[in-house]
Every structure is written in C-alpha cells, then in structure tokens.
Amino acid sequence: MYKYLLKESIYGASNYSPLNVIIKQGKGVYLKDINNKKYLDFLSGYSAVNQGHCHPRLIKAINKQSKLLTLTSRAFYNTNLGELCEFMCNTFKYEKYLPMNTGVEGGETAIKLARKWGYEKKNVPKNDAINLFCNNNFWGRTLSALSSSNDYKCYNHFGPYTNGFELIEYNNLNALEKKLKTNPNIVSFMVEPIQGEAGVIIPHDNYLKEAYKLCKKYNVLMILDEVQSGLGRSGKLLACDYSNIKPDILILGKSLSGGFYPVSGVLTNSEIMDVLTPGTHGSTYGGNPLANAVSIEAINIIFEENLIENSYNMGKYFRYELSNLDLNILKEIRGKGLFNAIEFHDTKHAEASLQNLMQNGLLTQLTKKNTLRLTPPLIINKSQIDKSLEIIKKSLKKC
C-alpha cells in the first residue's frame, strides 16, 4: 500500500482525503482492494456507476466504437451524434440536446443558456442577469460553481468571483417568490430535486411543483440539476418525476456513461437552445463518437434491466429495515430509491461508523461531516441488500 500512497503524495495534488483503501478491481456491486479484500460499493462513484462496475454491455459498446472512431471534435460531423441527440430528446421529451463532458460543464452550459435567453428573449438589461441558486447547493468546483455556493471553503483565496449569482433557502417557497417578485432580472432558478452533497436532503412533496409554477409566473427558467439524482437513482427516471414536472432546462451526467467515460448533457426546448450560435459555446470532447455510443447503451441498460423499478423497490426495503435501528447516535434515516443517507447527531459517531463499515466490507463516504451516504449501484439485489444491512447494523452498534 505504501508505494501507491507515496507516489500520490509526491506527485499528486492534495485536493482529496480518501479512505485508507486502494481499489484495484470492480465488478457489479463489488470492489476489490490490493489485498484482495472484497467490499460492497455504497458510493457508486458518487452515482456515476448506477449500472454497476464494468458492465459487460458497456465494455462491448466502448470496445466496438473505439475500433471505429473516438474523436473528431465538433469541427466535423460524426456518424452517431445525431443518433444520440434524437435518442435523448425522445427519451426525456425535449426538443434539443447538447452533450458535454462533466456535470459541472452541464451546469455552466445551463447558466449560459439562461443568461443568453434572458438578454435575447426576456429583454433583461445588458449584464444585469441574475441566476438564482439554493443554499447548500453543489454542482462542481469551478469558479462559477464556487461563486454560487455558501460553503465557506469556496471563499478562501479563490476570488474574485463570478457576478450575477444569488442564493435563497432550499425548500422555501416564500423565499423563492420574494426573490422572483422583487427582481425582474432573474433569468433562472437552478436547483437539485434532492440535494446530494448537502446530505441527501429531500424537499417537501409540493416544493418542486410549486417552485415550477412560480418560475412560470415570473418568466424565469427552471433548471434542474439531476446529475446525481437522475437516471434511476431516486427510484424514478428523474427525481422530478415524483412531482410530475418538466423543467425548462435539464442537466444530466455521471451515470450517463455508466462510469466508463466523462459524459454530461443539457436538454431544453428549441427556443432556449437556439440562442446558441456557432462560436458561443463548445467542447472539444463533447459529443464525441465514443461518448455517444456509451451514452445510448448506458441508458438502454437502465430501462432494459429494470434498474429504475429495482432502485425504487430495493430502496423502500432498505429504509424499512434500517428504520428498525434503535440507536441514540442516529438523528435521521432518509432517502428515495437508492439515494439514501444516515445522519448522526455528531461527527464523532459518523466517522467511527465509516471506519467500521470499511473494516466490515462496505465502502462509502461522509457528506457534511455527520451524514453517511448510502448509494449502491442500481443493479443490487435483495441478498446483497440484506448483506449490506447486516454490515451496517453491526458497524453502527460498535460506534
């Protein structure tokens, strides 16, 4: 183990603090370390491997395409970008699709679209557009993402920051309407249907639907960040499906490639997407043939292997079984589908549980210091869920 850690410490950046385990192999819901110890993966690459590690259909798709063509850039047409765009629009019921690479690029794209739409369609005065976000949001670590955050770590020697961003309280419709009513220059409201990095925070049942109505009332674009909550993670295709709404702009990413490749994308209607013209936005790798092929297969797997239904059923069962835990160290167990969390009363017990889980054969991570994230691949079956419950209960009782 020492040789791997030594090289990273000498030659790598110290921008992460990983668990003290080195993974060499993944298969399905399992990971294996360099000592051949097997673990249940309850992080799933922050929901990037919903289809499980090294899915054979994705291996086949990426190998097949890699032998034909991997990259042209957008300087030329390629044979499967149009196919991907059609597939995404038909699947999610939108008119236009713009592929990018990472979730944060998807967020940047959505914000640019909203601003350009605001100036050209809403007639917002030049450079006065405001993008609205919620406290405790997380959509990446670029300067714009930092500028839209209220996390104190984002404001230590990274300024100056992007202008035109404002924050309101999450799950607060009064705060949203007050902002929209008092500032006609707001062009978008970007929100996560379930706040992942904030601790798997789930809003009230009517929040998204009523927020959508307010956005329509004040002619503001609703942007839903479903990079983490989408593609079956919540027990629905999209987490916003619980509210029966269709946002003006939808951002997808992570498991859009099943963990094989950085892929993200933005979906919207023609009126919004068509504000982009040649030279106003782009990406060398966005929409490349390899990404296009793996994206289509990744989504087909979600549907054809019933991963959405499995996420809903296994998540419901998982939370029910966890609800029998009677430990005074626990504050709350919450989630939807296989997007779940255990919140502790203090950081000490949360950190102890994380280490106990690792020792007992289950890997995950904490978020917000005192919340344990529990997000296995969506292919997990009941016997594997039962095994995870056994490990979790054993680990928590040791804290």
Protein backbone atom coordinates (compact mmCIF):
# COMPACT_ATOMS: atom_id res chain seq x y z
CA MET A 1 0.00 0.00 0.00
CA TYR A 2 2.80 2.39 0.91
CA LYS A 3 4.21 2.63 -2.63
CA TYR A 4 0.85 3.74 -4.07
CA LEU A 5 0.30 6.35 -1.38
CA LEU A 6 3.88 7.59 -1.62
CA LYS A 7 3.64 8.29 -5.34
CA GLU A 8 0.36 10.17 -4.93
CA SER A 9 1.73 12.22 -2.05
CA ILE A 10 4.87 13.17 -4.02
CA TYR A 11 3.45 13.72 -7.49
CA GLY A 12 -0.27 14.33 -6.97
CA ALA A 13 -2.35 17.22 -5.66
CA SER A 14 -3.74 17.06 -2.13
CA ASN A 15 -7.27 18.09 -3.07
CA TYR A 16 -8.92 14.92 -1.74
CA SER A 17 -8.78 12.98 1.51
CA PRO A 18 -9.64 9.39 0.51
CA LEU A 19 -10.35 6.47 2.79
CA ASN A 20 -7.29 4.38 3.55
CA VAL A 21 -8.08 1.72 0.96
CA ILE A 22 -6.64 1.19 -2.54
CA ILE A 23 -9.02 -0.31 -5.08
CA LYS A 24 -7.71 -2.44 -7.94
CA GLN A 25 -10.86 -4.01 -9.37
CA GLY A 26 -14.62 -3.57 -9.62
CA LYS A 27 -17.38 -5.91 -10.74
CA GLY A 28 -21.10 -5.31 -10.36
CA VAL A 29 -21.77 -4.01 -6.84
CA TYR A 30 -18.36 -5.08 -5.52
CA LEU A 31 -14.90 -3.55 -5.27
CA LYS A 32 -11.66 -5.37 -4.51
CA ASP A 33 -8.59 -3.82 -2.90
CA ILE A 34 -4.91 -4.61 -3.47
CA ASN A 35 -5.07 -7.24 -0.69
CA ASN A 36 -8.00 -8.93 -2.48
CA LYS A 37 -10.47 -7.90 0.20
CA LYS A 38 -13.95 -7.57 -1.24
CA TYR A 39 -16.30 -4.68 -0.43
CA LEU A 40 -19.86 -3.72 -1.25
CA ASP A 41 -19.67 -0.37 -3.03
CA PHE A 42 -22.17 2.02 -1.44
CA LEU A 43 -20.81 5.14 -3.09
CA SER A 44 -21.03 4.13 -6.77
CA GLY A 45 -18.56 6.82 -7.82
CA TYR A 46 -21.00 9.42 -6.43
CA SER A 47 -23.76 7.76 -8.50
CA ALA A 48 -21.70 7.50 -11.68
CA VAL A 49 -21.88 3.71 -11.81
CA ASN A 50 -25.62 3.14 -11.46
CA GLN A 51 -25.26 0.24 -13.91
CA GLY A 52 -22.59 -1.42 -11.74
CA HIS A 53 -18.86 -1.68 -12.27
CA CYS A 54 -17.58 -2.88 -15.64
CA HIS A 55 -20.96 -3.74 -17.08
CA PRO A 56 -20.33 -6.19 -19.98
CA ARG A 57 -22.69 -4.35 -22.34
CA LEU A 58 -20.82 -1.10 -21.80
CA ILE A 59 -17.48 -2.84 -22.29
CA LYS A 60 -18.78 -4.20 -25.58
CA ALA A 61 -20.14 -0.81 -26.70
CA ILE A 62 -16.97 1.11 -25.90
CA ASN A 63 -14.71 -1.53 -27.46
CA LYS A 64 -16.76 -1.63 -30.65
CA GLN A 65 -16.81 2.15 -31.09
CA SER A 66 -13.16 2.59 -30.08
CA LYS A 67 -12.11 0.48 -33.06
CA LEU A 68 -14.03 2.73 -35.47
CA LEU A 69 -13.67 6.34 -34.30
CA THR A 70 -13.18 8.06 -30.97
CA LEU A 71 -12.89 11.79 -31.64
CA THR A 72 -13.42 14.27 -34.45
CA SER A 73 -14.11 17.35 -32.30
CA ARG A 74 -17.15 19.34 -33.41
CA ALA A 75 -15.18 20.71 -36.36
CA PHE A 76 -16.68 17.83 -38.36
CA TYR A 77 -19.89 15.83 -38.24
CA ASN A 78 -19.68 12.28 -36.94
CA THR A 79 -21.92 9.30 -37.55
CA ASN A 80 -23.65 8.95 -34.17
CA LEU A 81 -24.08 12.42 -32.63
CA GLY A 82 -27.41 12.91 -34.40
CA GLU A 83 -28.50 9.48 -33.23
CA LEU A 84 -27.63 10.36 -29.63
CA CYS A 85 -29.46 13.71 -29.78
CA GLU A 86 -32.58 12.06 -31.18
CA PHE A 87 -32.38 9.29 -28.56
CA MET A 88 -32.02 11.75 -25.68
CA CYS A 89 -34.82 14.02 -26.91
CA ASN A 90 -37.21 11.11 -27.39
CA THR A 91 -36.32 9.57 -24.04
CA PHE A 92 -36.69 12.72 -21.97
CA LYS A 93 -39.30 14.52 -24.14
CA TYR A 94 -37.30 17.61 -25.12
CA GLU A 95 -36.59 19.25 -28.46
CA LYS A 96 -32.83 19.79 -28.22
CA TYR A 97 -29.83 18.11 -26.61
CA LEU A 98 -26.32 19.49 -26.10
CA PRO A 99 -23.68 16.96 -24.99
CA MET A 100 -20.79 17.97 -22.75
CA ASN A 101 -18.32 16.03 -20.57
CA THR A 102 -18.74 16.65 -16.85
CA GLY A 103 -21.59 17.62 -14.57
CA VAL A 104 -20.07 20.99 -13.85
CA GLU A 105 -19.83 21.68 -17.59
CA GLY A 106 -23.51 20.86 -17.81
CA GLY A 107 -24.18 23.42 -15.10
CA GLU A 108 -22.08 26.07 -16.84
CA THR A 109 -23.91 25.35 -20.09
CA ALA A 110 -27.32 25.73 -18.44
CA ILE A 111 -26.33 29.04 -16.86
CA LYS A 112 -25.00 30.41 -20.15
CA LEU A 113 -28.19 29.35 -21.92
CA ALA A 114 -30.32 31.07 -19.28
CA ARG A 115 -28.36 34.28 -19.45
CA LYS A 116 -28.40 34.49 -23.24
CA TRP A 117 -32.12 33.66 -23.25
CA GLY A 118 -32.66 36.36 -20.63
CA TYR A 119 -30.99 39.04 -22.73
CA GLU A 120 -32.48 37.99 -26.06
CA LYS A 121 -35.96 36.77 -25.08
CA LYS A 122 -36.78 38.37 -21.73
CA ASN A 123 -35.07 41.68 -22.57
CA VAL A 124 -33.01 41.85 -19.39
CA PRO A 125 -30.69 44.91 -19.48
CA LYS A 126 -27.10 44.20 -20.53
CA ASN A 127 -25.01 42.49 -17.82
CA ASP A 128 -27.88 42.61 -15.28
CA ALA A 129 -28.97 38.95 -15.49
CA ILE A 130 -29.23 37.08 -12.19
CA ASN A 131 -29.02 33.30 -11.76
CA LEU A 132 -30.68 32.10 -8.58
CA PHE A 133 -29.48 29.09 -6.54
CA CYS A 134 -30.21 27.48 -3.17
CA ASN A 135 -28.09 27.40 -0.04
CA ASN A 136 -26.05 24.20 0.27
CA ASN A 137 -26.22 23.54 -3.46
CA PHE A 138 -23.39 21.64 -5.10
CA TRP A 139 -22.76 21.32 -8.81
CA GLY A 140 -18.98 21.27 -9.05
CA ARG A 141 -15.78 23.11 -8.18
CA THR A 142 -15.21 25.60 -10.99
CA LEU A 143 -15.06 29.28 -10.12
CA SER A 144 -18.68 29.74 -11.14
CA ALA A 145 -19.74 26.78 -9.00
CA LEU A 146 -17.80 28.21 -6.06
CA SER A 147 -19.36 31.62 -6.66
CA SER A 148 -22.85 30.16 -6.38
CA SER A 149 -22.10 28.33 -3.11
CA ASN A 150 -22.45 29.28 0.54
CA ASP A 151 -19.75 26.79 1.63
CA TYR A 152 -17.04 28.72 3.47
CA LYS A 153 -14.33 26.52 1.86
CA CYS A 154 -15.22 28.06 -1.51
CA TYR A 155 -14.16 31.52 -0.36
CA ASN A 156 -10.62 31.01 0.88
CA HIS A 157 -8.22 32.58 -1.66
CA PHE A 158 -10.23 31.82 -4.81
CA GLY A 159 -11.61 35.28 -5.58
CA PRO A 160 -12.56 37.35 -7.44
CA TYR A 161 -15.82 35.53 -8.04
CA THR A 162 -18.42 35.30 -10.79
CA ASN A 163 -21.03 38.04 -10.57
CA GLY A 164 -24.76 37.70 -11.01
CA PHE A 165 -25.42 34.81 -8.61
CA GLU A 166 -27.82 34.98 -5.66
CA LEU A 167 -28.85 32.43 -3.04
CA ILE A 168 -32.06 31.59 -1.20
CA GLU A 169 -33.02 28.93 1.34
CA TYR A 170 -33.73 25.48 -0.08
CA ASN A 171 -37.26 24.13 0.30
CA ASN A 172 -38.66 27.60 1.00
CA LEU A 173 -41.31 28.75 -1.46
CA ASN A 174 -41.83 32.09 0.28
CA ALA A 175 -38.16 32.94 -0.13
CA LEU A 176 -38.33 31.98 -3.79
CA GLU A 177 -41.39 34.10 -4.56
CA LYS A 178 -39.99 37.07 -2.68
CA LYS A 179 -36.86 36.99 -4.84
CA LEU A 180 -38.70 36.48 -8.10
CA LYS A 181 -41.21 39.21 -7.30
CA THR A 182 -38.66 41.84 -6.38
CA ASN A 183 -36.11 41.29 -9.15
CA PRO A 184 -37.32 41.14 -12.78
CA ASN A 185 -33.75 40.46 -13.95
CA ILE A 186 -33.67 36.91 -12.57
CA VAL A 187 -33.32 34.60 -15.58
CA SER A 188 -33.07 31.19 -13.92
CA PHE A 189 -33.60 29.19 -10.77
CA MET A 190 -31.17 26.24 -10.64
CA VAL A 191 -31.98 23.60 -8.05
CA GLU A 192 -31.35 19.96 -7.18
CA PRO A 193 -34.53 17.88 -6.71
CA ILE A 194 -32.59 16.11 -3.96
CA GLN A 195 -29.55 17.89 -2.56
CA GLY A 196 -26.81 15.26 -2.67
CA GLU A 197 -23.68 16.83 -1.19
CA ALA A 198 -25.80 18.67 1.38
CA GLY A 199 -26.63 15.29 2.90
CA VAL A 200 -29.32 13.77 0.66
CA ILE A 201 -31.81 16.47 1.60
CA ILE A 202 -35.33 15.85 0.28
CA PRO A 203 -37.71 18.82 -0.03
CA HIS A 204 -41.41 18.83 0.83
CA ASP A 205 -43.63 16.97 -1.61
CA ASN A 206 -45.06 20.13 -3.17
CA TYR A 207 -41.83 22.13 -3.32
CA LEU A 208 -40.69 21.45 -6.86
CA LYS A 209 -44.17 21.66 -8.37
CA GLU A 210 -44.92 24.99 -6.69
CA ALA A 211 -41.44 26.31 -7.48
CA TYR A 212 -42.04 25.45 -11.12
CA LYS A 213 -45.33 27.38 -11.07
CA LEU A 214 -43.58 30.41 -9.57
CA CYS A 215 -40.90 30.29 -12.25
CA LYS A 216 -43.61 30.28 -14.92
CA LYS A 217 -45.46 33.12 -13.20
CA TYR A 218 -42.38 35.36 -13.21
CA ASN A 219 -40.96 34.22 -16.57
CA VAL A 220 -37.89 32.56 -15.07
CA LEU A 221 -36.28 29.38 -16.39
CA MET A 222 -36.29 26.44 -14.01
CA ILE A 223 -33.02 24.48 -14.28
CA LEU A 224 -32.99 21.08 -12.59
CA ASP A 225 -29.61 19.61 -11.75
CA GLU A 226 -30.23 15.85 -11.99
CA VAL A 227 -26.57 14.95 -12.45
CA GLN A 228 -26.64 12.91 -9.26
CA SER A 229 -30.35 12.30 -8.64
CA GLY A 230 -31.28 11.33 -12.21
CA LEU A 231 -31.22 8.15 -14.28
CA GLY A 232 -32.93 5.90 -11.76
CA ARG A 233 -31.03 6.85 -8.62
CA SER A 234 -34.15 8.16 -6.84
CA GLY A 235 -36.41 5.30 -7.89
CA LYS A 236 -37.76 7.26 -10.87
CA LEU A 237 -36.09 8.02 -14.20
CA LEU A 238 -35.71 11.58 -12.88
CA ALA A 239 -36.23 12.70 -9.30
CA CYS A 240 -38.52 15.46 -10.58
CA ASP A 241 -40.87 12.74 -11.88
CA TYR A 242 -42.17 12.43 -8.32
CA SER A 243 -43.51 15.98 -8.79
CA ASN A 244 -44.74 15.47 -12.36
CA ILE A 245 -42.87 18.49 -13.68
CA LYS A 246 -40.64 19.04 -16.69
CA PRO A 247 -38.01 21.74 -16.10
CA ASP A 248 -37.14 24.27 -18.77
CA ILE A 249 -33.54 23.02 -18.70
CA LEU A 250 -32.45 19.58 -17.51
CA ILE A 251 -28.84 18.69 -16.66
CA LEU A 252 -27.69 15.07 -16.69
CA GLY A 253 -24.30 13.45 -16.10
CA LYS A 254 -22.44 10.85 -14.02
CA SER A 255 -24.16 7.52 -14.89
CA LEU A 256 -24.90 8.82 -18.38
CA SER A 257 -21.85 6.72 -19.25
CA GLY A 258 -22.10 4.10 -16.51
CA GLY A 259 -18.75 5.24 -15.15
CA PHE A 260 -16.84 4.45 -18.34
CA TYR A 261 -16.32 7.95 -19.64
CA PRO A 262 -16.95 11.59 -18.64
CA VAL A 263 -20.31 12.44 -20.23
CA SER A 264 -22.92 15.06 -19.41
CA GLY A 265 -25.68 16.76 -21.31
CA VAL A 266 -28.26 19.52 -21.28
CA LEU A 267 -31.82 19.16 -22.57
CA THR A 268 -34.22 22.01 -23.34
CA ASN A 269 -36.62 23.30 -25.99
CA SER A 270 -35.71 24.94 -29.29
CA GLU A 271 -36.49 28.49 -28.17
CA ILE A 272 -33.89 28.28 -25.42
CA MET A 273 -31.24 26.14 -27.13
CA ASP A 274 -31.35 28.15 -30.34
CA VAL A 275 -29.90 31.23 -28.62
CA LEU A 276 -26.57 29.43 -29.03
CA THR A 277 -24.92 30.08 -32.37
CA PRO A 278 -21.56 28.91 -33.77
CA GLY A 279 -18.72 30.10 -31.54
CA THR A 280 -20.84 30.92 -28.49
CA HIS A 281 -20.33 27.58 -26.73
CA GLY A 282 -18.42 24.39 -27.35
CA SER A 283 -16.30 21.48 -26.21
CA THR A 284 -13.58 19.51 -27.98
CA TYR A 285 -14.74 16.22 -26.46
CA GLY A 286 -18.44 16.93 -26.03
CA GLY A 287 -20.45 14.79 -28.43
CA ASN A 288 -17.51 12.61 -29.45
CA PRO A 289 -18.35 9.24 -31.07
CA LEU A 290 -17.10 7.17 -28.13
CA ALA A 291 -19.19 9.09 -25.62
CA ASN A 292 -22.23 8.98 -27.87
CA ALA A 293 -22.10 5.21 -28.20
CA VAL A 294 -21.63 4.55 -24.49
CA SER A 295 -24.38 7.03 -23.50
CA ILE A 296 -27.04 5.29 -25.55
CA GLU A 297 -26.07 1.88 -24.17
CA ALA A 298 -25.90 3.19 -20.59
CA ILE A 299 -29.48 4.43 -20.74
CA ASN A 300 -30.71 1.33 -22.56
CA ILE A 301 -29.31 -0.77 -19.70
CA ILE A 302 -31.25 1.31 -17.16
CA PHE A 303 -34.52 0.61 -18.97
CA GLU A 304 -33.94 -2.92 -20.23
CA GLU A 305 -32.62 -4.25 -16.90
CA ASN A 306 -35.42 -2.54 -14.92
CA LEU A 307 -32.96 -0.59 -12.80
CA ILE A 308 -35.46 2.20 -12.05
CA GLU A 309 -38.00 -0.23 -10.62
CA ASN A 310 -35.25 -2.07 -8.75
CA SER A 311 -34.00 1.20 -7.27
CA TYR A 312 -37.48 2.05 -6.02
CA ASN A 313 -38.17 -1.38 -4.52
CA MET A 314 -34.74 -2.02 -3.02
CA GLY A 315 -34.62 1.50 -1.60
CA LYS A 316 -38.02 1.12 0.06
CA TYR A 317 -37.00 -2.20 1.57
CA PHE A 318 -33.60 -0.85 2.64
CA ARG A 319 -35.08 2.14 4.50
CA TYR A 320 -37.75 -0.01 6.14
CA GLU A 321 -35.13 -2.38 7.52
CA LEU A 322 -32.93 0.49 8.68
CA SER A 323 -35.89 2.08 10.46
CA ASN A 324 -35.74 -0.79 12.98
CA LEU A 325 -32.39 0.52 14.22
CA ASP A 326 -32.92 1.94 17.69
CA LEU A 327 -29.66 3.77 18.36
CA ASN A 328 -29.47 7.12 20.12
CA ILE A 329 -26.49 8.14 17.96
CA LEU A 330 -28.79 8.40 14.91
CA LYS A 331 -30.63 11.58 14.03
CA GLU A 332 -32.44 10.58 10.82
CA ILE A 333 -32.58 7.96 8.07
CA ARG A 334 -33.85 9.39 4.78
CA GLY A 335 -33.86 8.82 1.06
CA LYS A 336 -35.68 7.99 -2.13
CA GLY A 337 -34.94 4.93 -4.22
CA LEU A 338 -31.30 4.03 -3.69
CA PHE A 339 -30.35 7.63 -2.84
CA ASN A 340 -30.14 7.28 0.95
CA ALA A 341 -28.39 8.71 3.97
CA ILE A 342 -27.99 8.20 7.69
CA GLU A 343 -27.48 11.39 9.66
CA PHE A 344 -25.77 11.19 13.05
CA HIS A 345 -26.08 13.62 15.94
CA ASP A 346 -22.34 14.26 15.85
CA THR A 347 -19.28 13.90 13.63
CA LYS A 348 -17.50 11.53 16.01
CA HIS A 349 -20.01 8.71 15.57
CA ALA A 350 -20.32 9.35 11.83
CA GLU A 351 -16.57 8.98 11.34
CA ALA A 352 -16.45 5.88 13.54
CA SER A 353 -19.26 4.28 11.53
CA LEU A 354 -17.40 4.97 8.27
CA GLN A 355 -14.30 3.17 9.53
CA ASN A 356 -16.34 0.28 10.96
CA LEU A 357 -18.14 -0.16 7.65
CA MET A 358 -14.84 -0.33 5.79
CA GLN A 359 -13.47 -2.93 8.19
CA ASN A 360 -16.64 -4.98 7.80
CA GLY A 361 -16.65 -4.87 3.98
CA LEU A 362 -18.72 -1.87 2.87
CA LEU A 363 -17.31 1.31 1.35
CA THR A 364 -18.89 4.74 1.20
CA GLN A 365 -18.16 8.30 2.31
CA LEU A 366 -19.47 11.02 4.58
CA THR A 367 -21.04 14.23 3.44
CA LYS A 368 -21.43 17.33 5.62
CA LYS A 369 -19.26 15.59 8.26
CA ASN A 370 -22.09 13.83 10.10
CA THR A 371 -24.06 12.17 7.29
CA LEU A 372 -23.34 8.77 5.82
CA ARG A 373 -24.17 8.45 2.12
CA LEU A 374 -25.62 5.08 1.05
CA THR A 375 -25.86 4.84 -2.75
CA PRO A 376 -25.11 1.38 -4.17
CA PRO A 377 -25.27 0.55 -7.88
CA LEU A 378 -28.87 0.17 -9.04
CA ILE A 379 -28.26 -3.45 -10.03
CA ILE A 380 -28.06 -4.51 -6.38
CA ASN A 381 -30.32 -7.44 -5.47
CA LYS A 382 -32.14 -8.35 -2.27
CA SER A 383 -29.49 -10.75 -0.96
CA GLN A 384 -26.85 -8.06 -1.45
CA ILE A 385 -29.08 -5.51 0.27
CA ASP A 386 -29.54 -7.94 3.15
CA LYS A 387 -25.76 -8.37 3.36
CA SER A 388 -25.33 -4.58 3.44
CA LEU A 389 -27.94 -4.26 6.19
CA GLU A 390 -26.12 -6.87 8.24
CA ILE A 391 -22.85 -4.92 7.85
CA ILE A 392 -24.46 -1.54 8.57
CA LYS A 393 -26.25 -2.72 11.71
CA LYS A 394 -23.12 -4.45 13.00
CA SER A 395 -20.95 -1.40 12.26
CA LEU A 396 -23.28 1.15 13.82
CA LYS A 397 -23.73 -0.84 17.01
CA LYS A 398 -19.93 -0.71 17.51
CA CYS A 399 -19.89 3.11 17.50
